[in-house]
Every structure is written in C-alpha cells, then in structure tokens.
Amino acid sequence: MIKGERIELRPATKDDWRRQAAWRNDPETARLAAGTYAALYSHVTIEEAEAIFEKNSVPDRTKGCLFAIYVAETKTHIGNCDYRNVNFIARSAEVGMTIGSPEARNQGYGTEALNLLVHFLFADMNLNRVQLDTWSGNERALHVYKKCGFEVEGLLRNAEFVNGTYYDQVVMGRLKETI
C-alpha cells in the first residue's frame, strides 16, 4: 500500500473492479476516462468487468500494476490508477488515473493519487520518465496532469472522436529530475 495525506493506493482487488464496473457504465465517467473509446469502455456487465480484471491484474509488478484509490479517512474506494508498459532499459512507463466516484471529483484526490504513483515509480522503481495521454477536450484531466508536473510533449491532431467532435490526443510526460 502507498499512503498519502488523504488517500491510499492499494493493489486493486476483484471487489474494487466490481465497483469500477458501475463507474464505467456512467456516461460522463466513461467519456472522461476513455474519450474515443467510451462506447467500448462502458456498457459492461459485472462478469465482463471481472474478466477484464483477471486479464489485467498482472502479478509481475515489473510489468505493471492496477491500484485502487481509497480515501484514507473513510476507507472509500473512489477510483483507480495504474502503471504499465514498463521499459527498464529506458527506465520509463505509462500511467493512467480515473476518479470514478463523481462525488470525489474536484477535491484534489486525483492530484494526490497521481503524485503518489509518480513518486513511487521514480523513487522506488528508479524510473526516469513517465507518460500519459488524454484528449484535448478533457480539461479537468489536463489541469490535474499539469498540476502534477506533466508537460505536453506532443499532439496527435484529430486522433480522438468524442460525442461527434474531433479532438487532439495530448501526450504528456514527466521526468524524474522534476521531483
């Protein structure tokens, strides 16, 4: 477990993933979390969510890990974050984060969770670079990522199609030297 001031990151359990299924079926959460892929990300049954969990719950932490984000005080599961595609030669990985519980948004939990995850990857796993991506219309995510020290490294023009509109895919990165 990785502990912060207000939240804890715990390796996700099947029960955590079951709660994730409800969030995935919320249209606004799916749109924010998956952009173009919202239709594929959402409309999942509990059984499908469990199958996705089984496929993605990698026991080899050198390849990646899915964490459940919990509010420490209330022991409430509010979202998930992960790292994946670890490259130990380049010392890099990709990260992602979603606050699934609408009530937990805009309270700084996502910022704290992402900062905890990045610090873990830099300090404990000795990575040098982490990256993520989102779509240009996801202003809330872009704000959090910039607040966490990520910089825009590139745009893939019109690579995302969300609710009938094209958006750029925004690729962002952060280097260890920034902590």
N, C-alpha and C. Protein backbone atom coordinates (compact mmCIF):
# COMPACT_ATOMS: atom_id res chain seq x y z
N MET A 1 0.84 -1.17 0.00
CA MET A 1 0.00 0.00 0.00
C MET A 1 0.89 1.24 0.00
N ILE A 2 0.46 2.25 -0.75
CA ILE A 2 1.16 3.53 -0.81
C ILE A 2 0.26 4.55 -0.13
N LYS A 3 0.76 5.16 0.94
CA LYS A 3 -0.06 6.08 1.72
C LYS A 3 0.31 7.53 1.46
N GLY A 4 -0.72 8.34 1.29
CA GLY A 4 -0.55 9.78 1.18
C GLY A 4 -1.20 10.46 2.36
N GLU A 5 -1.41 11.76 2.24
CA GLU A 5 -2.05 12.51 3.33
C GLU A 5 -3.52 12.14 3.48
N ARG A 6 -4.23 12.06 2.34
CA ARG A 6 -5.67 11.81 2.39
C ARG A 6 -6.10 10.53 1.70
N ILE A 7 -5.22 9.96 0.91
CA ILE A 7 -5.60 8.76 0.16
C ILE A 7 -4.57 7.66 0.31
N GLU A 8 -4.98 6.47 -0.09
CA GLU A 8 -4.10 5.30 -0.13
C GLU A 8 -4.26 4.64 -1.49
N LEU A 9 -3.16 4.16 -2.02
CA LEU A 9 -3.19 3.36 -3.24
C LEU A 9 -2.97 1.92 -2.82
N ARG A 10 -3.92 1.06 -3.15
CA ARG A 10 -3.83 -0.36 -2.80
C ARG A 10 -3.91 -1.18 -4.08
N PRO A 11 -3.16 -2.27 -4.16
CA PRO A 11 -3.36 -3.13 -5.33
C PRO A 11 -4.85 -3.49 -5.43
N ALA A 12 -5.41 -3.30 -6.61
CA ALA A 12 -6.85 -3.49 -6.80
C ALA A 12 -7.24 -4.95 -6.62
N THR A 13 -8.39 -5.14 -6.00
CA THR A 13 -8.97 -6.46 -5.82
C THR A 13 -10.14 -6.64 -6.79
N LYS A 14 -10.64 -7.83 -6.85
CA LYS A 14 -11.80 -8.08 -7.70
C LYS A 14 -13.01 -7.26 -7.22
N ASP A 15 -13.16 -7.10 -5.91
CA ASP A 15 -14.25 -6.27 -5.38
C ASP A 15 -14.11 -4.82 -5.85
N ASP A 16 -12.87 -4.31 -5.85
CA ASP A 16 -12.64 -2.95 -6.36
C ASP A 16 -13.06 -2.86 -7.82
N TRP A 17 -12.73 -3.87 -8.58
CA TRP A 17 -13.04 -3.85 -10.01
C TRP A 17 -14.54 -3.95 -10.25
N ARG A 18 -15.25 -4.64 -9.37
CA ARG A 18 -16.71 -4.69 -9.49
C ARG A 18 -17.31 -3.29 -9.32
N ARG A 19 -16.77 -2.51 -8.36
CA ARG A 19 -17.24 -1.13 -8.20
C ARG A 19 -16.90 -0.32 -9.45
N GLN A 20 -15.76 -0.61 -10.04
CA GLN A 20 -15.34 0.09 -11.25
C GLN A 20 -16.37 -0.11 -12.37
N ALA A 21 -17.01 -1.28 -12.41
CA ALA A 21 -17.99 -1.56 -13.45
C ALA A 21 -19.13 -0.54 -13.42
N ALA A 22 -19.58 -0.17 -12.24
CA ALA A 22 -20.66 0.84 -12.13
C ALA A 22 -20.18 2.18 -12.67
N TRP A 23 -18.95 2.56 -12.34
CA TRP A 23 -18.41 3.83 -12.84
C TRP A 23 -18.29 3.79 -14.36
N ARG A 24 -17.84 2.66 -14.88
CA ARG A 24 -17.66 2.54 -16.33
C ARG A 24 -18.98 2.68 -17.07
N ASN A 25 -20.07 2.33 -16.41
CA ASN A 25 -21.38 2.41 -17.05
C ASN A 25 -22.03 3.78 -16.90
N ASP A 26 -21.37 4.71 -16.22
CA ASP A 26 -21.85 6.08 -16.14
C ASP A 26 -21.32 6.83 -17.37
N PRO A 27 -22.20 7.39 -18.20
CA PRO A 27 -21.76 8.02 -19.45
C PRO A 27 -20.70 9.10 -19.27
N GLU A 28 -20.85 9.96 -18.26
CA GLU A 28 -19.88 11.04 -18.06
C GLU A 28 -18.52 10.48 -17.65
N THR A 29 -18.51 9.51 -16.76
CA THR A 29 -17.24 8.91 -16.34
C THR A 29 -16.57 8.21 -17.52
N ALA A 30 -17.35 7.49 -18.29
CA ALA A 30 -16.80 6.79 -19.46
C ALA A 30 -16.21 7.80 -20.46
N ARG A 31 -16.91 8.89 -20.69
CA ARG A 31 -16.43 9.91 -21.63
C ARG A 31 -15.11 10.50 -21.15
N LEU A 32 -15.03 10.85 -19.87
CA LEU A 32 -13.81 11.44 -19.34
C LEU A 32 -12.66 10.44 -19.31
N ALA A 33 -12.94 9.22 -18.94
CA ALA A 33 -11.89 8.22 -18.79
C ALA A 33 -11.40 7.65 -20.11
N ALA A 34 -12.30 7.52 -21.07
CA ALA A 34 -11.94 6.78 -22.27
C ALA A 34 -12.00 7.58 -23.56
N GLY A 35 -12.59 8.78 -23.55
CA GLY A 35 -12.64 9.58 -24.76
C GLY A 35 -13.25 8.83 -25.91
N THR A 36 -12.50 8.67 -26.98
CA THR A 36 -12.96 7.98 -28.17
C THR A 36 -13.52 6.60 -27.87
N TYR A 37 -12.93 5.95 -26.91
CA TYR A 37 -13.27 4.55 -26.63
C TYR A 37 -14.37 4.41 -25.58
N ALA A 38 -15.09 5.48 -25.28
CA ALA A 38 -16.13 5.43 -24.25
C ALA A 38 -17.16 4.34 -24.51
N ALA A 39 -17.55 4.16 -25.76
CA ALA A 39 -18.55 3.13 -26.07
C ALA A 39 -18.01 1.72 -25.79
N LEU A 40 -16.73 1.52 -26.00
CA LEU A 40 -16.12 0.22 -25.71
C LEU A 40 -15.81 0.07 -24.22
N TYR A 41 -15.50 1.17 -23.57
CA TYR A 41 -15.15 1.19 -22.16
C TYR A 41 -16.38 0.94 -21.28
N SER A 42 -17.53 1.45 -21.73
CA SER A 42 -18.76 1.37 -20.93
C SER A 42 -19.62 0.18 -21.36
N HIS A 43 -20.80 0.14 -20.78
CA HIS A 43 -21.78 -0.92 -21.07
C HIS A 43 -21.20 -2.31 -20.77
N VAL A 44 -20.59 -2.44 -19.59
CA VAL A 44 -20.01 -3.72 -19.20
C VAL A 44 -20.81 -4.33 -18.07
N THR A 45 -20.91 -5.64 -18.10
CA THR A 45 -21.55 -6.37 -17.01
C THR A 45 -20.50 -6.64 -15.93
N ILE A 46 -20.96 -7.07 -14.79
CA ILE A 46 -20.04 -7.45 -13.71
C ILE A 46 -19.12 -8.56 -14.20
N GLU A 47 -19.66 -9.51 -14.94
CA GLU A 47 -18.85 -10.63 -15.44
C GLU A 47 -17.76 -10.14 -16.39
N GLU A 48 -18.11 -9.20 -17.27
CA GLU A 48 -17.11 -8.63 -18.18
C GLU A 48 -16.04 -7.86 -17.41
N ALA A 49 -16.47 -7.10 -16.41
CA ALA A 49 -15.52 -6.36 -15.59
C ALA A 49 -14.57 -7.31 -14.87
N GLU A 50 -15.10 -8.40 -14.35
CA GLU A 50 -14.25 -9.39 -13.67
C GLU A 50 -13.26 -10.01 -14.65
N ALA A 51 -13.71 -10.29 -15.87
CA ALA A 51 -12.81 -10.86 -16.87
C ALA A 51 -11.70 -9.88 -17.24
N ILE A 52 -12.04 -8.59 -17.35
CA ILE A 52 -11.04 -7.57 -17.63
C ILE A 52 -10.04 -7.50 -16.48
N PHE A 53 -10.55 -7.56 -15.25
CA PHE A 53 -9.67 -7.54 -14.08
C PHE A 53 -8.71 -8.72 -14.12
N GLU A 54 -9.24 -9.91 -14.37
CA GLU A 54 -8.38 -11.10 -14.40
C GLU A 54 -7.30 -10.97 -15.47
N LYS A 55 -7.66 -10.42 -16.61
CA LYS A 55 -6.70 -10.25 -17.70
C LYS A 55 -5.63 -9.22 -17.36
N ASN A 56 -6.02 -8.16 -16.63
CA ASN A 56 -5.11 -7.04 -16.39
C ASN A 56 -4.49 -7.00 -15.00
N SER A 57 -4.86 -7.91 -14.15
CA SER A 57 -4.26 -7.93 -12.81
C SER A 57 -2.96 -8.72 -12.88
N VAL A 58 -1.93 -8.04 -13.27
CA VAL A 58 -0.63 -8.66 -13.53
C VAL A 58 0.09 -8.92 -12.22
N PRO A 59 0.41 -10.18 -11.92
CA PRO A 59 1.13 -10.44 -10.68
C PRO A 59 2.59 -9.98 -10.73
N ASP A 60 3.12 -9.77 -11.92
CA ASP A 60 4.50 -9.33 -12.08
C ASP A 60 4.54 -7.81 -12.07
N ARG A 61 4.88 -7.22 -10.93
CA ARG A 61 4.87 -5.77 -10.76
C ARG A 61 5.89 -5.06 -11.65
N THR A 62 6.83 -5.81 -12.22
CA THR A 62 7.78 -5.18 -13.13
C THR A 62 7.12 -4.83 -14.46
N LYS A 63 5.96 -5.39 -14.74
CA LYS A 63 5.26 -5.10 -15.98
C LYS A 63 4.17 -4.05 -15.80
N GLY A 64 3.61 -3.98 -14.59
CA GLY A 64 2.57 -3.01 -14.34
C GLY A 64 1.75 -3.39 -13.13
N CYS A 65 0.92 -2.47 -12.69
CA CYS A 65 0.07 -2.73 -11.53
C CYS A 65 -1.13 -1.79 -11.56
N LEU A 66 -2.28 -2.34 -11.22
CA LEU A 66 -3.51 -1.57 -11.10
C LEU A 66 -3.74 -1.32 -9.61
N PHE A 67 -3.88 -0.04 -9.24
CA PHE A 67 -4.14 0.34 -7.86
C PHE A 67 -5.56 0.89 -7.72
N ALA A 68 -6.19 0.57 -6.60
CA ALA A 68 -7.44 1.19 -6.22
C ALA A 68 -7.10 2.42 -5.38
N ILE A 69 -7.80 3.52 -5.62
CA ILE A 69 -7.60 4.75 -4.86
C ILE A 69 -8.66 4.78 -3.77
N TYR A 70 -8.20 4.83 -2.51
CA TYR A 70 -9.09 4.87 -1.36
C TYR A 70 -8.89 6.17 -0.58
N VAL A 71 -9.99 6.74 -0.10
CA VAL A 71 -9.90 7.84 0.84
C VAL A 71 -9.53 7.22 2.18
N ALA A 72 -8.41 7.64 2.75
CA ALA A 72 -7.88 7.01 3.96
C ALA A 72 -8.85 7.12 5.14
N GLU A 73 -9.42 8.28 5.33
CA GLU A 73 -10.28 8.50 6.50
C GLU A 73 -11.54 7.65 6.49
N THR A 74 -12.16 7.52 5.32
CA THR A 74 -13.44 6.81 5.24
C THR A 74 -13.31 5.39 4.69
N LYS A 75 -12.12 5.03 4.22
CA LYS A 75 -11.89 3.71 3.59
C LYS A 75 -12.82 3.50 2.41
N THR A 76 -13.06 4.57 1.64
CA THR A 76 -13.95 4.53 0.49
C THR A 76 -13.15 4.46 -0.80
N HIS A 77 -13.50 3.52 -1.65
CA HIS A 77 -12.87 3.36 -2.96
C HIS A 77 -13.46 4.40 -3.91
N ILE A 78 -12.60 5.26 -4.47
CA ILE A 78 -13.10 6.36 -5.31
C ILE A 78 -12.59 6.32 -6.74
N GLY A 79 -11.62 5.47 -7.03
CA GLY A 79 -11.08 5.43 -8.38
C GLY A 79 -9.94 4.45 -8.50
N ASN A 80 -9.25 4.51 -9.62
CA ASN A 80 -8.14 3.61 -9.88
C ASN A 80 -7.03 4.37 -10.60
N CYS A 81 -5.82 3.87 -10.43
CA CYS A 81 -4.69 4.36 -11.21
C CYS A 81 -3.79 3.17 -11.52
N ASP A 82 -2.94 3.32 -12.49
CA ASP A 82 -2.10 2.19 -12.86
C ASP A 82 -0.81 2.67 -13.52
N TYR A 83 0.14 1.74 -13.58
CA TYR A 83 1.30 1.92 -14.45
C TYR A 83 1.40 0.65 -15.29
N ARG A 84 1.98 0.80 -16.49
CA ARG A 84 2.04 -0.31 -17.44
C ARG A 84 3.15 -0.03 -18.46
N ASN A 85 3.42 -1.00 -19.30
CA ASN A 85 4.42 -0.85 -20.35
C ASN A 85 5.75 -0.35 -19.80
N VAL A 86 6.20 -0.99 -18.73
CA VAL A 86 7.47 -0.61 -18.11
C VAL A 86 8.62 -1.02 -19.01
N ASN A 87 9.54 -0.10 -19.24
CA ASN A 87 10.73 -0.37 -20.02
C ASN A 87 11.92 -0.09 -19.11
N PHE A 88 12.55 -1.16 -18.60
CA PHE A 88 13.64 -0.97 -17.64
C PHE A 88 14.95 -0.56 -18.30
N ILE A 89 15.05 -0.68 -19.60
CA ILE A 89 16.25 -0.18 -20.28
C ILE A 89 16.17 1.34 -20.39
N ALA A 90 15.03 1.84 -20.85
CA ALA A 90 14.82 3.29 -20.94
C ALA A 90 14.36 3.88 -19.61
N ARG A 91 14.03 3.02 -18.66
CA ARG A 91 13.53 3.42 -17.33
C ARG A 91 12.29 4.31 -17.48
N SER A 92 11.27 3.77 -18.17
CA SER A 92 10.05 4.54 -18.43
C SER A 92 8.82 3.65 -18.25
N ALA A 93 7.68 4.30 -18.13
CA ALA A 93 6.40 3.60 -18.03
C ALA A 93 5.28 4.55 -18.42
N GLU A 94 4.13 3.97 -18.69
CA GLU A 94 2.92 4.75 -18.93
C GLU A 94 2.06 4.67 -17.68
N VAL A 95 1.32 5.74 -17.41
CA VAL A 95 0.43 5.77 -16.25
C VAL A 95 -0.96 6.23 -16.68
N GLY A 96 -1.92 5.93 -15.83
CA GLY A 96 -3.29 6.38 -16.04
C GLY A 96 -3.99 6.52 -14.70
N MET A 97 -5.05 7.34 -14.67
CA MET A 97 -5.77 7.56 -13.43
C MET A 97 -7.19 8.00 -13.74
N THR A 98 -8.14 7.46 -12.98
CA THR A 98 -9.54 7.84 -13.11
C THR A 98 -10.15 7.96 -11.72
N ILE A 99 -10.81 9.06 -11.47
CA ILE A 99 -11.64 9.18 -10.27
C ILE A 99 -13.04 8.79 -10.73
N GLY A 100 -13.46 7.61 -10.38
CA GLY A 100 -14.73 7.07 -10.85
C GLY A 100 -15.93 7.60 -10.10
N SER A 101 -15.77 7.87 -8.82
CA SER A 101 -16.87 8.35 -7.99
C SER A 101 -17.09 9.84 -8.26
N PRO A 102 -18.22 10.21 -8.86
CA PRO A 102 -18.46 11.62 -9.17
C PRO A 102 -18.38 12.53 -7.93
N GLU A 103 -18.78 12.02 -6.76
CA GLU A 103 -18.74 12.81 -5.54
C GLU A 103 -17.31 13.14 -5.10
N ALA A 104 -16.35 12.36 -5.56
CA ALA A 104 -14.95 12.55 -5.14
C ALA A 104 -14.17 13.46 -6.09
N ARG A 105 -14.79 13.89 -7.16
CA ARG A 105 -14.09 14.75 -8.13
C ARG A 105 -13.97 16.18 -7.61
N ASN A 106 -12.97 16.87 -8.12
CA ASN A 106 -12.73 18.28 -7.78
C ASN A 106 -12.40 18.48 -6.30
N GLN A 107 -11.80 17.49 -5.68
CA GLN A 107 -11.41 17.61 -4.28
C GLN A 107 -9.91 17.38 -4.08
N GLY A 108 -9.17 17.26 -5.17
CA GLY A 108 -7.73 17.09 -5.08
C GLY A 108 -7.27 15.65 -4.93
N TYR A 109 -8.19 14.70 -4.92
CA TYR A 109 -7.80 13.30 -4.77
C TYR A 109 -7.02 12.78 -5.97
N GLY A 110 -7.44 13.18 -7.17
CA GLY A 110 -6.73 12.74 -8.38
C GLY A 110 -5.31 13.26 -8.41
N THR A 111 -5.13 14.51 -8.03
CA THR A 111 -3.79 15.10 -7.98
C THR A 111 -2.92 14.34 -6.99
N GLU A 112 -3.46 14.07 -5.80
CA GLU A 112 -2.68 13.34 -4.80
C GLU A 112 -2.36 11.92 -5.27
N ALA A 113 -3.34 11.25 -5.87
CA ALA A 113 -3.12 9.88 -6.33
C ALA A 113 -2.04 9.83 -7.41
N LEU A 114 -2.12 10.73 -8.38
CA LEU A 114 -1.13 10.72 -9.45
C LEU A 114 0.25 11.07 -8.92
N ASN A 115 0.34 12.04 -8.03
CA ASN A 115 1.63 12.38 -7.43
C ASN A 115 2.22 11.21 -6.65
N LEU A 116 1.39 10.50 -5.90
CA LEU A 116 1.87 9.32 -5.16
C LEU A 116 2.39 8.25 -6.11
N LEU A 117 1.63 7.99 -7.17
CA LEU A 117 2.03 6.98 -8.14
C LEU A 117 3.35 7.36 -8.81
N VAL A 118 3.47 8.59 -9.24
CA VAL A 118 4.69 9.05 -9.91
C VAL A 118 5.87 8.99 -8.95
N HIS A 119 5.68 9.42 -7.72
CA HIS A 119 6.78 9.36 -6.74
C HIS A 119 7.22 7.92 -6.52
N PHE A 120 6.27 7.00 -6.41
CA PHE A 120 6.60 5.58 -6.28
C PHE A 120 7.43 5.09 -7.47
N LEU A 121 7.03 5.46 -8.67
CA LEU A 121 7.74 5.00 -9.87
C LEU A 121 9.15 5.58 -9.94
N PHE A 122 9.31 6.84 -9.57
CA PHE A 122 10.64 7.47 -9.60
C PHE A 122 11.51 7.01 -8.43
N ALA A 123 10.97 7.03 -7.22
CA ALA A 123 11.78 6.74 -6.04
C ALA A 123 11.98 5.24 -5.81
N ASP A 124 10.92 4.46 -5.89
CA ASP A 124 11.01 3.04 -5.55
C ASP A 124 11.40 2.16 -6.72
N MET A 125 10.93 2.50 -7.92
CA MET A 125 11.24 1.68 -9.09
C MET A 125 12.37 2.26 -9.92
N ASN A 126 12.87 3.42 -9.53
CA ASN A 126 14.00 4.07 -10.19
C ASN A 126 13.76 4.35 -11.67
N LEU A 127 12.52 4.68 -12.01
CA LEU A 127 12.25 5.07 -13.39
C LEU A 127 12.69 6.51 -13.58
N ASN A 128 12.92 6.88 -14.82
CA ASN A 128 13.35 8.22 -15.16
C ASN A 128 12.26 9.03 -15.85
N ARG A 129 11.28 8.36 -16.46
CA ARG A 129 10.27 9.06 -17.25
C ARG A 129 8.95 8.32 -17.16
N VAL A 130 7.87 9.08 -17.02
CA VAL A 130 6.53 8.51 -17.11
C VAL A 130 5.73 9.35 -18.10
N GLN A 131 4.82 8.69 -18.77
CA GLN A 131 3.99 9.41 -19.74
C GLN A 131 2.55 8.97 -19.60
N LEU A 132 1.68 9.79 -20.14
CA LEU A 132 0.25 9.50 -20.18
C LEU A 132 -0.32 10.22 -21.38
N ASP A 133 -1.58 9.94 -21.67
CA ASP A 133 -2.24 10.70 -22.73
C ASP A 133 -3.71 10.88 -22.37
N THR A 134 -4.30 11.88 -22.98
CA THR A 134 -5.72 12.17 -22.83
C THR A 134 -6.17 12.87 -24.11
N TRP A 135 -7.39 13.31 -24.13
CA TRP A 135 -7.89 14.05 -25.29
C TRP A 135 -8.04 15.52 -24.91
N SER A 136 -7.88 16.39 -25.88
CA SER A 136 -7.78 17.83 -25.62
C SER A 136 -9.05 18.44 -25.02
N GLY A 137 -10.16 17.78 -25.13
CA GLY A 137 -11.40 18.29 -24.54
C GLY A 137 -11.56 17.92 -23.07
N ASN A 138 -10.69 17.11 -22.55
CA ASN A 138 -10.77 16.69 -21.14
C ASN A 138 -9.99 17.69 -20.29
N GLU A 139 -10.56 18.86 -20.13
CA GLU A 139 -9.87 19.96 -19.44
C GLU A 139 -9.55 19.64 -17.99
N ARG A 140 -10.41 18.89 -17.32
CA ARG A 140 -10.16 18.53 -15.93
C ARG A 140 -8.89 17.69 -15.83
N ALA A 141 -8.76 16.70 -16.70
CA ALA A 141 -7.56 15.85 -16.67
C ALA A 141 -6.32 16.65 -17.02
N LEU A 142 -6.40 17.49 -18.03
CA LEU A 142 -5.24 18.30 -18.42
C LEU A 142 -4.79 19.19 -17.26
N HIS A 143 -5.74 19.75 -16.54
CA HIS A 143 -5.41 20.60 -15.39
C HIS A 143 -4.67 19.78 -14.32
N VAL A 144 -5.18 18.60 -14.00
CA VAL A 144 -4.55 17.76 -12.98
C VAL A 144 -3.16 17.34 -13.43
N TYR A 145 -3.02 16.92 -14.68
CA TYR A 145 -1.72 16.44 -15.15
C TYR A 145 -0.67 17.56 -15.11
N LYS A 146 -1.06 18.75 -15.53
CA LYS A 146 -0.12 19.88 -15.47
C LYS A 146 0.23 20.22 -14.03
N LYS A 147 -0.76 20.17 -13.15
CA LYS A 147 -0.53 20.44 -11.74
C LYS A 147 0.44 19.41 -11.14
N CYS A 148 0.45 18.20 -11.69
CA CYS A 148 1.35 17.14 -11.22
C CYS A 148 2.71 17.18 -11.91
N GLY A 149 2.97 18.21 -12.69
CA GLY A 149 4.29 18.37 -13.30
C GLY A 149 4.46 17.76 -14.68
N PHE A 150 3.39 17.25 -15.27
CA PHE A 150 3.49 16.70 -16.62
C PHE A 150 3.50 17.84 -17.63
N GLU A 151 4.29 17.67 -18.67
CA GLU A 151 4.37 18.66 -19.74
C GLU A 151 3.88 18.05 -21.05
N VAL A 152 3.24 18.87 -21.86
CA VAL A 152 2.78 18.41 -23.17
C VAL A 152 4.01 18.13 -24.02
N GLU A 153 4.08 16.93 -24.56
CA GLU A 153 5.20 16.54 -25.41
C GLU A 153 4.79 16.40 -26.86
N GLY A 154 3.49 16.29 -27.09
CA GLY A 154 3.05 16.17 -28.46
C GLY A 154 1.54 16.10 -28.58
N LEU A 155 1.08 16.38 -29.78
CA LEU A 155 -0.34 16.29 -30.10
C LEU A 155 -0.50 15.41 -31.32
N LEU A 156 -1.46 14.54 -31.27
CA LEU A 156 -1.86 13.79 -32.45
C LEU A 156 -3.17 14.42 -32.90
N ARG A 157 -3.09 15.19 -33.96
CA ARG A 157 -4.22 16.01 -34.38
C ARG A 157 -5.42 15.16 -34.79
N ASN A 158 -6.59 15.56 -34.28
CA ASN A 158 -7.86 14.91 -34.59
C ASN A 158 -7.82 13.39 -34.40
N ALA A 159 -7.05 12.92 -33.42
CA ALA A 159 -6.92 11.48 -33.18
C ALA A 159 -8.01 10.94 -32.28
N GLU A 160 -8.78 11.81 -31.67
CA GLU A 160 -9.87 11.39 -30.78
C GLU A 160 -11.19 11.90 -31.33
N PHE A 161 -12.23 11.08 -31.19
CA PHE A 161 -13.56 11.45 -31.66
C PHE A 161 -14.52 11.22 -30.50
N VAL A 162 -14.97 12.30 -29.88
CA VAL A 162 -15.79 12.21 -28.67
C VAL A 162 -17.08 12.99 -28.88
N ASN A 163 -18.19 12.30 -28.72
CA ASN A 163 -19.52 12.92 -28.85
C ASN A 163 -19.66 13.72 -30.14
N GLY A 164 -19.20 13.15 -31.23
CA GLY A 164 -19.38 13.78 -32.54
C GLY A 164 -18.38 14.86 -32.91
N THR A 165 -17.36 15.06 -32.09
CA THR A 165 -16.37 16.10 -32.36
C THR A 165 -14.97 15.50 -32.31
N TYR A 166 -14.12 15.97 -33.23
CA TYR A 166 -12.72 15.54 -33.21
C TYR A 166 -11.93 16.38 -32.22
N TYR A 167 -11.03 15.71 -31.50
CA TYR A 167 -10.12 16.36 -30.55
C TYR A 167 -8.72 15.83 -30.80
N ASP A 168 -7.74 16.60 -30.36
CA ASP A 168 -6.36 16.12 -30.42
C ASP A 168 -6.11 15.15 -29.27
N GLN A 169 -5.27 14.17 -29.52
CA GLN A 169 -4.76 13.34 -28.43
C GLN A 169 -3.54 14.06 -27.89
N VAL A 170 -3.51 14.27 -26.58
CA VAL A 170 -2.44 15.01 -25.93
C VAL A 170 -1.53 14.02 -25.21
N VAL A 171 -0.26 13.98 -25.62
CA VAL A 171 0.73 13.11 -24.98
C VAL A 171 1.54 13.98 -24.03
N MET A 172 1.63 13.53 -22.77
CA MET A 172 2.32 14.31 -21.75
C MET A 172 3.34 13.42 -21.04
N GLY A 173 4.41 14.03 -20.55
CA GLY A 173 5.43 13.28 -19.85
C GLY A 173 5.98 14.05 -18.67
N ARG A 174 6.62 13.30 -17.79
CA ARG A 174 7.28 13.90 -16.64
C ARG A 174 8.58 13.16 -16.41
N LEU A 175 9.64 13.90 -16.10
CA LEU A 175 10.94 13.31 -15.85
C LEU A 175 11.26 13.29 -14.37
N LYS A 176 12.08 12.33 -13.98
CA LYS A 176 12.46 12.18 -12.59
C LYS A 176 13.11 13.43 -12.03
N GLU A 177 13.85 14.13 -12.84
CA GLU A 177 14.55 15.33 -12.38
C GLU A 177 13.61 16.41 -11.88
N THR A 178 12.30 16.26 -12.14
CA THR A 178 11.33 17.29 -11.72
C THR A 178 10.79 17.05 -10.33
N ILE A 179 11.18 15.95 -9.68
CA ILE A 179 10.63 15.74 -8.32
C ILE A 179 11.48 16.43 -7.28
